[in-house]
Amino acid sequence: MEVDIVLGIPRGGLPVARPVADALDVPLDVVVASKVGAPGNPELAVAAVADDGTTWRNDSLIGKLDLTTGYLEDEIEHEQRAARQKRERYREGRPPLSLTGKHVLVVDDGLATGATMFACVERVREAGAASVAAAVPVGSPRTADQLERTVDHLEILERPRSFRAVGQFFRDFSQVSDEEAMALLD
């Protein structure tokens, strides 16, 4: 698998992406998406939107929850603004790396619903990448199977059948601060 650039998904994906980029001796940058949560359950991702507006929707969940178009449009607009702000904060004025014609590896700390990963992968494709691969240490087998059909290559260390949450497979799954994650881009 050829890789020209590694993109980490902030915050938790950057501590995983930094050693990957170092081992491959390629630049590290960020790709940002923000999760759109279900009403009353913000952790249940019904969609995710990247900083450029690229949106992934969980249509089956949206249908089950009978969400209105108005709710989705409002939340997607709100989360796109949040993703743009995060991108600007992480870049600190640095321009993004060009992805046109590049072999890009998107890295996160794990896959649960995969919402942000799916939005980020689509964002990278829309930016003209020659190929898009993804890498995570652990993930839901069902989500990993879906992602495998979306990317050119998937590296995943574990697909445990007993998967409930990404954090259950880490000894320490403390939240990474923006400052800690941003320091990994230097």
N, C-alpha and C. Protein backbone atom coordinates (compact mmCIF):
# COMPACT_ATOMS: atom_id res chain seq x y z
N MET A 1 0.84 -1.17 0.00
CA MET A 1 0.00 0.00 0.00
C MET A 1 0.89 1.24 0.00
N GLU A 2 0.68 2.09 -0.96
CA GLU A 2 1.44 3.34 -1.06
C GLU A 2 0.73 4.43 -0.28
N VAL A 3 1.49 5.21 0.49
CA VAL A 3 0.93 6.31 1.27
C VAL A 3 1.82 7.54 1.07
N ASP A 4 1.18 8.66 0.69
CA ASP A 4 1.90 9.93 0.54
C ASP A 4 1.65 10.87 1.71
N ILE A 5 0.47 10.76 2.32
CA ILE A 5 0.06 11.65 3.40
C ILE A 5 -0.80 10.85 4.39
N VAL A 6 -0.59 11.11 5.68
CA VAL A 6 -1.46 10.56 6.73
C VAL A 6 -2.29 11.72 7.27
N LEU A 7 -3.60 11.48 7.37
CA LEU A 7 -4.50 12.47 7.96
C LEU A 7 -5.11 11.88 9.22
N GLY A 8 -4.92 12.56 10.35
CA GLY A 8 -5.52 12.13 11.61
C GLY A 8 -6.82 12.86 11.85
N ILE A 9 -7.78 12.17 12.43
CA ILE A 9 -9.06 12.78 12.78
C ILE A 9 -8.96 13.27 14.22
N PRO A 10 -8.99 14.59 14.42
CA PRO A 10 -8.86 15.11 15.79
C PRO A 10 -10.10 14.77 16.62
N ARG A 11 -9.88 14.59 17.86
CA ARG A 11 -8.69 14.68 18.65
C ARG A 11 -8.02 13.33 18.78
N GLY A 12 -8.81 12.31 19.09
CA GLY A 12 -8.26 11.00 19.42
C GLY A 12 -7.47 10.31 18.33
N GLY A 13 -7.70 10.66 17.09
CA GLY A 13 -6.98 10.02 16.00
C GLY A 13 -5.55 10.49 15.85
N LEU A 14 -5.23 11.68 16.36
CA LEU A 14 -3.87 12.19 16.18
C LEU A 14 -2.80 11.42 16.96
N PRO A 15 -3.05 10.99 18.21
CA PRO A 15 -2.04 10.18 18.88
C PRO A 15 -1.78 8.85 18.18
N VAL A 16 -2.74 8.35 17.41
CA VAL A 16 -2.55 7.12 16.64
C VAL A 16 -1.86 7.45 15.31
N ALA A 17 -2.25 8.57 14.70
CA ALA A 17 -1.73 8.95 13.39
C ALA A 17 -0.27 9.39 13.41
N ARG A 18 0.16 10.03 14.49
CA ARG A 18 1.54 10.55 14.54
C ARG A 18 2.57 9.44 14.36
N PRO A 19 2.51 8.33 15.13
CA PRO A 19 3.52 7.29 14.92
C PRO A 19 3.38 6.59 13.56
N VAL A 20 2.17 6.55 13.01
CA VAL A 20 1.99 5.96 11.69
C VAL A 20 2.69 6.82 10.65
N ALA A 21 2.47 8.12 10.69
CA ALA A 21 3.14 9.04 9.75
C ALA A 21 4.66 8.97 9.91
N ASP A 22 5.12 8.91 11.16
CA ASP A 22 6.56 8.83 11.40
C ASP A 22 7.14 7.54 10.83
N ALA A 23 6.46 6.42 11.06
CA ALA A 23 6.95 5.12 10.57
C ALA A 23 6.97 5.08 9.04
N LEU A 24 6.01 5.75 8.41
CA LEU A 24 5.94 5.76 6.94
C LEU A 24 6.78 6.90 6.35
N ASP A 25 7.28 7.79 7.22
CA ASP A 25 8.09 8.94 6.81
C ASP A 25 7.34 9.81 5.79
N VAL A 26 6.08 10.14 6.15
CA VAL A 26 5.24 11.00 5.32
C VAL A 26 4.66 12.11 6.19
N PRO A 27 4.20 13.19 5.57
CA PRO A 27 3.61 14.29 6.34
C PRO A 27 2.31 13.87 7.04
N LEU A 28 2.04 14.56 8.16
CA LEU A 28 0.81 14.37 8.92
C LEU A 28 0.02 15.66 8.88
N ASP A 29 -1.27 15.56 8.60
CA ASP A 29 -2.18 16.69 8.64
C ASP A 29 -3.48 16.20 9.27
N VAL A 30 -4.48 17.05 9.29
CA VAL A 30 -5.77 16.68 9.86
C VAL A 30 -6.85 16.69 8.80
N VAL A 31 -7.86 15.89 9.04
CA VAL A 31 -9.12 15.95 8.30
C VAL A 31 -10.19 15.95 9.38
N VAL A 32 -11.12 16.90 9.27
CA VAL A 32 -12.04 17.15 10.37
C VAL A 32 -13.48 16.90 9.95
N ALA A 33 -14.20 16.19 10.79
CA ALA A 33 -15.64 16.02 10.63
C ALA A 33 -16.26 16.09 12.02
N SER A 34 -17.51 16.46 12.05
CA SER A 34 -18.22 16.57 13.32
C SER A 34 -19.49 15.72 13.25
N LYS A 35 -19.74 15.01 14.32
CA LYS A 35 -20.87 14.09 14.40
C LYS A 35 -22.17 14.86 14.61
N VAL A 36 -23.23 14.42 13.95
CA VAL A 36 -24.58 14.94 14.18
C VAL A 36 -25.30 13.89 15.02
N GLY A 37 -25.63 14.25 16.25
CA GLY A 37 -26.25 13.31 17.15
C GLY A 37 -27.76 13.28 17.03
N ALA A 38 -28.33 12.21 17.51
CA ALA A 38 -29.78 12.07 17.54
C ALA A 38 -30.35 12.99 18.62
N PRO A 39 -31.58 13.43 18.45
CA PRO A 39 -32.20 14.27 19.48
C PRO A 39 -32.22 13.53 20.82
N GLY A 40 -31.72 14.18 21.85
CA GLY A 40 -31.70 13.58 23.18
C GLY A 40 -30.59 12.57 23.40
N ASN A 41 -29.83 12.25 22.35
CA ASN A 41 -28.73 11.29 22.47
C ASN A 41 -27.59 11.72 21.53
N PRO A 42 -26.83 12.74 21.93
CA PRO A 42 -25.81 13.30 21.03
C PRO A 42 -24.70 12.32 20.64
N GLU A 43 -24.52 11.24 21.40
CA GLU A 43 -23.48 10.27 21.05
C GLU A 43 -23.93 9.29 19.97
N LEU A 44 -25.22 9.22 19.70
CA LEU A 44 -25.74 8.34 18.66
C LEU A 44 -25.71 9.11 17.34
N ALA A 45 -24.73 8.78 16.51
CA ALA A 45 -24.52 9.54 15.27
C ALA A 45 -25.54 9.17 14.20
N VAL A 46 -26.31 10.17 13.79
CA VAL A 46 -27.24 9.97 12.68
C VAL A 46 -26.62 10.47 11.37
N ALA A 47 -25.55 11.26 11.51
CA ALA A 47 -24.83 11.80 10.35
C ALA A 47 -23.51 12.37 10.85
N ALA A 48 -22.66 12.75 9.91
CA ALA A 48 -21.43 13.48 10.22
C ALA A 48 -21.15 14.37 9.04
N VAL A 49 -20.55 15.52 9.33
CA VAL A 49 -20.28 16.49 8.27
C VAL A 49 -18.83 16.96 8.39
N ALA A 50 -18.14 17.01 7.25
CA ALA A 50 -16.76 17.47 7.20
C ALA A 50 -16.74 19.00 7.09
N ASP A 51 -15.56 19.54 7.27
CA ASP A 51 -15.40 21.00 7.26
C ASP A 51 -15.81 21.65 5.94
N ASP A 52 -15.80 20.90 4.86
CA ASP A 52 -16.17 21.46 3.55
C ASP A 52 -17.64 21.21 3.21
N GLY A 53 -18.38 20.59 4.13
CA GLY A 53 -19.79 20.32 3.90
C GLY A 53 -20.09 18.90 3.44
N THR A 54 -19.06 18.12 3.13
CA THR A 54 -19.27 16.72 2.76
C THR A 54 -19.99 16.03 3.90
N THR A 55 -21.11 15.39 3.59
CA THR A 55 -21.96 14.82 4.63
C THR A 55 -22.20 13.34 4.39
N TRP A 56 -22.06 12.57 5.47
CA TRP A 56 -22.43 11.17 5.48
C TRP A 56 -23.67 11.05 6.36
N ARG A 57 -24.66 10.30 5.90
CA ARG A 57 -25.90 10.12 6.66
C ARG A 57 -26.15 8.64 6.91
N ASN A 58 -26.60 8.35 8.10
CA ASN A 58 -27.02 7.00 8.45
C ASN A 58 -28.52 6.92 8.16
N ASP A 59 -28.87 6.67 6.89
CA ASP A 59 -30.26 6.73 6.45
C ASP A 59 -31.17 5.75 7.18
N SER A 60 -30.66 4.56 7.49
CA SER A 60 -31.53 3.61 8.19
C SER A 60 -31.87 4.11 9.59
N LEU A 61 -30.90 4.68 10.29
CA LEU A 61 -31.15 5.21 11.63
C LEU A 61 -32.03 6.46 11.55
N ILE A 62 -31.79 7.30 10.57
CA ILE A 62 -32.62 8.50 10.38
C ILE A 62 -34.08 8.08 10.18
N GLY A 63 -34.29 7.04 9.37
CA GLY A 63 -35.64 6.53 9.14
C GLY A 63 -36.26 5.94 10.39
N LYS A 64 -35.49 5.16 11.14
CA LYS A 64 -36.01 4.54 12.37
C LYS A 64 -36.42 5.60 13.40
N LEU A 65 -35.63 6.68 13.45
CA LEU A 65 -35.91 7.73 14.43
C LEU A 65 -36.92 8.75 13.90
N ASP A 66 -37.27 8.60 12.61
CA ASP A 66 -38.25 9.49 11.98
C ASP A 66 -37.85 10.97 12.13
N LEU A 67 -36.58 11.26 11.83
CA LEU A 67 -36.06 12.62 11.97
C LEU A 67 -36.54 13.50 10.83
N THR A 68 -36.84 14.73 11.16
CA THR A 68 -37.31 15.66 10.14
C THR A 68 -36.15 16.23 9.34
N THR A 69 -36.44 16.63 8.12
CA THR A 69 -35.43 17.27 7.27
C THR A 69 -34.93 18.55 7.93
N GLY A 70 -35.82 19.29 8.55
CA GLY A 70 -35.44 20.53 9.23
C GLY A 70 -34.42 20.30 10.33
N TYR A 71 -34.65 19.27 11.16
CA TYR A 71 -33.72 18.95 12.23
C TYR A 71 -32.35 18.63 11.63
N LEU A 72 -32.33 17.76 10.62
CA LEU A 72 -31.06 17.36 10.02
C LEU A 72 -30.33 18.54 9.39
N GLU A 73 -31.03 19.36 8.62
CA GLU A 73 -30.39 20.51 7.98
C GLU A 73 -29.80 21.46 9.01
N ASP A 74 -30.55 21.76 10.07
CA ASP A 74 -30.05 22.66 11.11
C ASP A 74 -28.82 22.10 11.80
N GLU A 75 -28.89 20.82 12.16
CA GLU A 75 -27.77 20.20 12.86
C GLU A 75 -26.55 20.07 11.96
N ILE A 76 -26.75 19.73 10.70
CA ILE A 76 -25.63 19.61 9.77
C ILE A 76 -24.96 20.96 9.58
N GLU A 77 -25.74 22.01 9.44
CA GLU A 77 -25.16 23.36 9.30
C GLU A 77 -24.37 23.74 10.55
N HIS A 78 -24.92 23.46 11.72
CA HIS A 78 -24.23 23.76 12.98
C HIS A 78 -22.92 22.99 13.08
N GLU A 79 -22.95 21.69 12.78
CA GLU A 79 -21.75 20.87 12.91
C GLU A 79 -20.71 21.18 11.83
N GLN A 80 -21.14 21.64 10.66
CA GLN A 80 -20.17 22.05 9.65
C GLN A 80 -19.38 23.26 10.14
N ARG A 81 -20.08 24.21 10.75
CA ARG A 81 -19.39 25.38 11.31
C ARG A 81 -18.38 24.92 12.37
N ALA A 82 -18.80 23.99 13.22
CA ALA A 82 -17.91 23.48 14.27
C ALA A 82 -16.69 22.80 13.66
N ALA A 83 -16.89 22.03 12.60
CA ALA A 83 -15.78 21.35 11.93
C ALA A 83 -14.82 22.36 11.30
N ARG A 84 -15.36 23.39 10.67
CA ARG A 84 -14.50 24.43 10.07
C ARG A 84 -13.67 25.13 11.14
N GLN A 85 -14.31 25.45 12.27
CA GLN A 85 -13.59 26.12 13.36
C GLN A 85 -12.48 25.22 13.90
N LYS A 86 -12.77 23.94 14.05
CA LYS A 86 -11.75 23.01 14.55
C LYS A 86 -10.59 22.92 13.56
N ARG A 87 -10.92 22.82 12.26
CA ARG A 87 -9.87 22.76 11.24
C ARG A 87 -8.97 23.99 11.33
N GLU A 88 -9.55 25.17 11.44
CA GLU A 88 -8.76 26.40 11.53
C GLU A 88 -7.91 26.42 12.79
N ARG A 89 -8.47 25.97 13.88
CA ARG A 89 -7.71 25.94 15.13
C ARG A 89 -6.51 25.01 15.02
N TYR A 90 -6.73 23.84 14.45
CA TYR A 90 -5.65 22.86 14.33
C TYR A 90 -4.59 23.28 13.31
N ARG A 91 -4.99 23.94 12.28
CA ARG A 91 -4.03 24.35 11.25
C ARG A 91 -3.23 25.56 11.67
N GLU A 92 -3.74 26.37 12.57
CA GLU A 92 -3.05 27.57 13.06
C GLU A 92 -2.49 28.40 11.91
N GLY A 93 -3.31 28.61 10.88
CA GLY A 93 -2.89 29.44 9.75
C GLY A 93 -2.13 28.71 8.66
N ARG A 94 -1.72 27.45 8.91
CA ARG A 94 -1.02 26.68 7.88
C ARG A 94 -2.02 26.24 6.82
N PRO A 95 -1.64 26.32 5.55
CA PRO A 95 -2.56 25.84 4.51
C PRO A 95 -2.63 24.31 4.55
N PRO A 96 -3.74 23.76 4.10
CA PRO A 96 -3.84 22.29 4.07
C PRO A 96 -2.90 21.71 3.02
N LEU A 97 -2.49 20.48 3.22
CA LEU A 97 -1.69 19.79 2.22
C LEU A 97 -2.58 19.46 1.03
N SER A 98 -2.05 19.55 -0.16
CA SER A 98 -2.82 19.17 -1.34
C SER A 98 -2.99 17.66 -1.36
N LEU A 99 -4.21 17.22 -1.61
CA LEU A 99 -4.48 15.78 -1.67
C LEU A 99 -4.65 15.29 -3.10
N THR A 100 -4.65 16.20 -4.05
CA THR A 100 -4.86 15.86 -5.45
C THR A 100 -3.81 14.86 -5.93
N GLY A 101 -4.29 13.71 -6.39
CA GLY A 101 -3.39 12.69 -6.92
C GLY A 101 -2.58 11.95 -5.89
N LYS A 102 -2.82 12.18 -4.61
CA LYS A 102 -2.03 11.55 -3.53
C LYS A 102 -2.71 10.29 -3.01
N HIS A 103 -1.91 9.42 -2.45
CA HIS A 103 -2.39 8.22 -1.76
C HIS A 103 -2.49 8.59 -0.28
N VAL A 104 -3.70 8.66 0.23
CA VAL A 104 -3.97 9.21 1.55
C VAL A 104 -4.44 8.12 2.50
N LEU A 105 -3.90 8.15 3.71
CA LEU A 105 -4.29 7.23 4.77
C LEU A 105 -4.97 8.05 5.87
N VAL A 106 -6.24 7.76 6.14
CA VAL A 106 -7.01 8.43 7.19
C VAL A 106 -6.96 7.55 8.44
N VAL A 107 -6.58 8.14 9.58
CA VAL A 107 -6.37 7.38 10.81
C VAL A 107 -7.23 7.94 11.93
N ASP A 108 -7.85 7.02 12.68
CA ASP A 108 -8.60 7.41 13.88
C ASP A 108 -8.29 6.41 14.98
N ASP A 109 -8.82 6.68 16.18
CA ASP A 109 -8.52 5.79 17.32
C ASP A 109 -9.41 4.57 17.37
N GLY A 110 -10.44 4.51 16.53
CA GLY A 110 -11.31 3.35 16.49
C GLY A 110 -12.57 3.64 15.70
N LEU A 111 -13.34 2.57 15.47
CA LEU A 111 -14.61 2.68 14.72
C LEU A 111 -15.74 2.15 15.57
N ALA A 112 -16.66 3.02 15.90
CA ALA A 112 -17.91 2.56 16.52
C ALA A 112 -18.98 2.64 15.43
N THR A 113 -19.65 3.77 15.32
CA THR A 113 -20.59 3.94 14.21
C THR A 113 -19.86 4.26 12.92
N GLY A 114 -18.64 4.82 13.05
CA GLY A 114 -17.85 5.18 11.88
C GLY A 114 -18.26 6.48 11.21
N ALA A 115 -19.19 7.20 11.80
CA ALA A 115 -19.74 8.39 11.17
C ALA A 115 -18.67 9.39 10.74
N THR A 116 -17.78 9.77 11.66
CA THR A 116 -16.76 10.76 11.28
C THR A 116 -15.79 10.17 10.27
N MET A 117 -15.46 8.91 10.39
CA MET A 117 -14.55 8.29 9.41
C MET A 117 -15.17 8.30 8.02
N PHE A 118 -16.44 7.92 7.90
CA PHE A 118 -17.10 7.91 6.60
C PHE A 118 -17.12 9.31 5.98
N ALA A 119 -17.43 10.32 6.79
CA ALA A 119 -17.45 11.70 6.28
C ALA A 119 -16.05 12.14 5.86
N CYS A 120 -15.04 11.78 6.64
CA CYS A 120 -13.66 12.16 6.31
C CYS A 120 -13.17 11.47 5.05
N VAL A 121 -13.49 10.20 4.90
CA VAL A 121 -13.09 9.46 3.70
C VAL A 121 -13.70 10.10 2.46
N GLU A 122 -14.98 10.43 2.55
CA GLU A 122 -15.65 11.08 1.42
C GLU A 122 -15.02 12.44 1.13
N ARG A 123 -14.70 13.18 2.18
CA ARG A 123 -14.05 14.50 2.04
C ARG A 123 -12.73 14.36 1.29
N VAL A 124 -11.94 13.36 1.65
CA VAL A 124 -10.63 13.14 1.01
C VAL A 124 -10.82 12.74 -0.46
N ARG A 125 -11.78 11.90 -0.75
CA ARG A 125 -12.07 11.53 -2.15
C ARG A 125 -12.45 12.77 -2.96
N GLU A 126 -13.31 13.61 -2.38
CA GLU A 126 -13.76 14.82 -3.08
C GLU A 126 -12.61 15.78 -3.32
N ALA A 127 -11.57 15.70 -2.50
CA ALA A 127 -10.40 16.57 -2.65
C ALA A 127 -9.45 16.07 -3.74
N GLY A 128 -9.80 14.96 -4.39
CA GLY A 128 -9.01 14.49 -5.52
C GLY A 128 -7.92 13.48 -5.22
N ALA A 129 -8.01 12.81 -4.08
CA ALA A 129 -6.99 11.80 -3.74
C ALA A 129 -7.02 10.67 -4.77
N ALA A 130 -5.83 10.15 -5.09
CA ALA A 130 -5.73 9.02 -6.02
C ALA A 130 -6.27 7.75 -5.38
N SER A 131 -6.04 7.60 -4.06
CA SER A 131 -6.58 6.46 -3.32
C SER A 131 -6.77 6.90 -1.87
N VAL A 132 -7.72 6.23 -1.22
CA VAL A 132 -8.00 6.54 0.18
C VAL A 132 -8.02 5.23 0.96
N ALA A 133 -7.14 5.16 1.95
CA ALA A 133 -7.08 4.02 2.86
C ALA A 133 -7.45 4.52 4.25
N ALA A 134 -7.82 3.62 5.12
CA ALA A 134 -8.15 3.96 6.50
C ALA A 134 -7.43 2.99 7.42
N ALA A 135 -7.11 3.48 8.63
CA ALA A 135 -6.46 2.62 9.63
C ALA A 135 -6.98 2.98 11.01
N VAL A 136 -7.32 1.95 11.77
CA VAL A 136 -7.75 2.10 13.15
C VAL A 136 -7.25 0.89 13.93
N PRO A 137 -7.03 1.05 15.23
CA PRO A 137 -6.60 -0.10 16.01
C PRO A 137 -7.72 -1.11 16.28
N VAL A 138 -8.96 -0.62 16.42
CA VAL A 138 -10.07 -1.50 16.80
C VAL A 138 -11.37 -0.94 16.24
N GLY A 139 -12.32 -1.85 15.99
CA GLY A 139 -13.60 -1.36 15.51
C GLY A 139 -14.67 -2.41 15.52
N SER A 140 -15.88 -1.93 15.43
CA SER A 140 -17.05 -2.79 15.30
C SER A 140 -16.92 -3.59 14.02
N PRO A 141 -17.08 -4.91 14.07
CA PRO A 141 -16.97 -5.71 12.85
C PRO A 141 -17.94 -5.24 11.75
N ARG A 142 -19.15 -4.89 12.14
CA ARG A 142 -20.14 -4.45 11.15
C ARG A 142 -19.70 -3.14 10.48
N THR A 143 -19.24 -2.17 11.28
CA THR A 143 -18.78 -0.91 10.72
C THR A 143 -17.53 -1.12 9.87
N ALA A 144 -16.63 -1.98 10.33
CA ALA A 144 -15.42 -2.26 9.56
C ALA A 144 -15.76 -2.87 8.21
N ASP A 145 -16.74 -3.76 8.17
CA ASP A 145 -17.16 -4.35 6.90
C ASP A 145 -17.71 -3.28 5.96
N GLN A 146 -18.50 -2.35 6.50
CA GLN A 146 -19.04 -1.25 5.68
C GLN A 146 -17.92 -0.35 5.18
N LEU A 147 -16.97 -0.03 6.05
CA LEU A 147 -15.87 0.85 5.67
C LEU A 147 -15.00 0.19 4.61
N GLU A 148 -14.78 -1.10 4.74
CA GLU A 148 -13.97 -1.84 3.78
C GLU A 148 -14.51 -1.70 2.36
N ARG A 149 -15.82 -1.57 2.22
CA ARG A 149 -16.43 -1.40 0.90
C ARG A 149 -16.32 0.03 0.39
N THR A 150 -15.91 0.95 1.27
CA THR A 150 -15.85 2.37 0.94
C THR A 150 -14.44 2.83 0.60
N VAL A 151 -13.43 2.22 1.21
CA VAL A 151 -12.05 2.66 1.02
C VAL A 151 -11.30 1.69 0.10
N ASP A 152 -10.15 2.13 -0.37
CA ASP A 152 -9.32 1.27 -1.20
C ASP A 152 -8.60 0.21 -0.39
N HIS A 153 -8.35 0.52 0.89
CA HIS A 153 -7.66 -0.43 1.76
C HIS A 153 -8.01 -0.08 3.21
N LEU A 154 -8.21 -1.09 4.04
CA LEU A 154 -8.47 -0.87 5.47
C LEU A 154 -7.49 -1.68 6.28
N GLU A 155 -6.81 -1.00 7.20
CA GLU A 155 -5.95 -1.66 8.19
C GLU A 155 -6.66 -1.54 9.53
N ILE A 156 -6.99 -2.68 10.12
CA ILE A 156 -7.63 -2.69 11.43
C ILE A 156 -7.05 -3.86 12.21
N LEU A 157 -6.57 -3.58 13.41
CA LEU A 157 -5.91 -4.62 14.19
C LEU A 157 -6.89 -5.60 14.79
N GLU A 158 -8.03 -5.10 15.29
CA GLU A 158 -8.99 -6.00 15.95
C GLU A 158 -10.42 -5.65 15.56
N ARG A 159 -11.20 -6.71 15.29
CA ARG A 159 -12.64 -6.60 15.04
C ARG A 159 -13.35 -7.53 16.02
N PRO A 160 -13.32 -7.20 17.30
CA PRO A 160 -13.87 -8.11 18.30
C PRO A 160 -15.38 -8.27 18.19
N ARG A 161 -15.84 -9.51 18.27
CA ARG A 161 -17.29 -9.77 18.19
C ARG A 161 -18.03 -9.15 19.37
N SER A 162 -17.34 -8.98 20.48
CA SER A 162 -17.97 -8.41 21.68
C SER A 162 -17.85 -6.89 21.72
N PHE A 163 -17.69 -6.25 20.59
CA PHE A 163 -17.49 -4.80 20.54
C PHE A 163 -18.72 -4.05 21.04
N ARG A 164 -18.50 -3.12 21.99
CA ARG A 164 -19.55 -2.22 22.47
C ARG A 164 -19.13 -0.77 22.29
N ALA A 165 -17.85 -0.49 22.53
CA ALA A 165 -17.33 0.88 22.42
C ALA A 165 -15.82 0.82 22.21
N VAL A 166 -15.29 1.83 21.57
CA VAL A 166 -13.85 1.88 21.31
C VAL A 166 -13.07 1.83 22.61
N GLY A 167 -13.51 2.59 23.61
CA GLY A 167 -12.77 2.71 24.87
C GLY A 167 -12.58 1.42 25.63
N GLN A 168 -13.43 0.43 25.40
CA GLN A 168 -13.29 -0.82 26.15
C GLN A 168 -12.02 -1.58 25.78
N PHE A 169 -11.35 -1.20 24.70
CA PHE A 169 -10.17 -1.92 24.25
C PHE A 169 -8.87 -1.16 24.50
N PHE A 170 -8.94 -0.08 25.28
CA PHE A 170 -7.76 0.69 25.64
C PHE A 170 -7.57 0.62 27.15
N ARG A 171 -6.33 0.48 27.60
CA ARG A 171 -6.06 0.55 29.03
C ARG A 171 -6.39 1.93 29.57
N ASP A 172 -6.04 2.96 28.77
CA ASP A 172 -6.31 4.34 29.17
C ASP A 172 -6.96 5.03 27.98
N PHE A 173 -8.23 5.34 28.10
CA PHE A 173 -8.95 6.01 27.02
C PHE A 173 -9.37 7.41 27.47
N SER A 174 -8.46 8.06 28.19
CA SER A 174 -8.71 9.44 28.64
C SER A 174 -8.84 10.34 27.42
N GLN A 175 -9.68 11.36 27.57
CA GLN A 175 -9.84 12.32 26.49
C GLN A 175 -8.52 13.03 26.22
N VAL A 176 -8.20 13.18 24.94
CA VAL A 176 -7.02 13.94 24.51
C VAL A 176 -7.48 15.38 24.35
N SER A 177 -6.74 16.32 24.92
CA SER A 177 -7.12 17.73 24.78
C SER A 177 -6.74 18.22 23.38
N ASP A 178 -7.37 19.30 22.97
CA ASP A 178 -7.00 19.91 21.69
C ASP A 178 -5.52 20.28 21.68
N GLU A 179 -5.03 20.81 22.78
CA GLU A 179 -3.63 21.24 22.85
C GLU A 179 -2.67 20.06 22.68
N GLU A 180 -2.99 18.93 23.36
CA GLU A 180 -2.16 17.73 23.21
C GLU A 180 -2.19 17.22 21.78
N ALA A 181 -3.36 17.21 21.19
CA ALA A 181 -3.49 16.71 19.81
C ALA A 181 -2.77 17.65 18.83
N MET A 182 -2.94 18.95 19.01
CA MET A 182 -2.30 19.92 18.10
C MET A 182 -0.78 19.84 18.18
N ALA A 183 -0.25 19.54 19.36
CA ALA A 183 1.21 19.44 19.52
C ALA A 183 1.76 18.29 18.66
N LEU A 184 0.96 17.30 18.34
CA LEU A 184 1.42 16.18 17.53
C LEU A 184 1.59 16.55 16.06
N LEU A 185 1.07 17.70 15.67
CA LEU A 185 1.21 18.15 14.28
C LEU A 185 2.54 18.86 14.03
N ASP A 186 3.26 19.21 15.09
CA ASP A 186 4.54 19.93 14.92
C ASP A 186 5.64 19.02 14.43
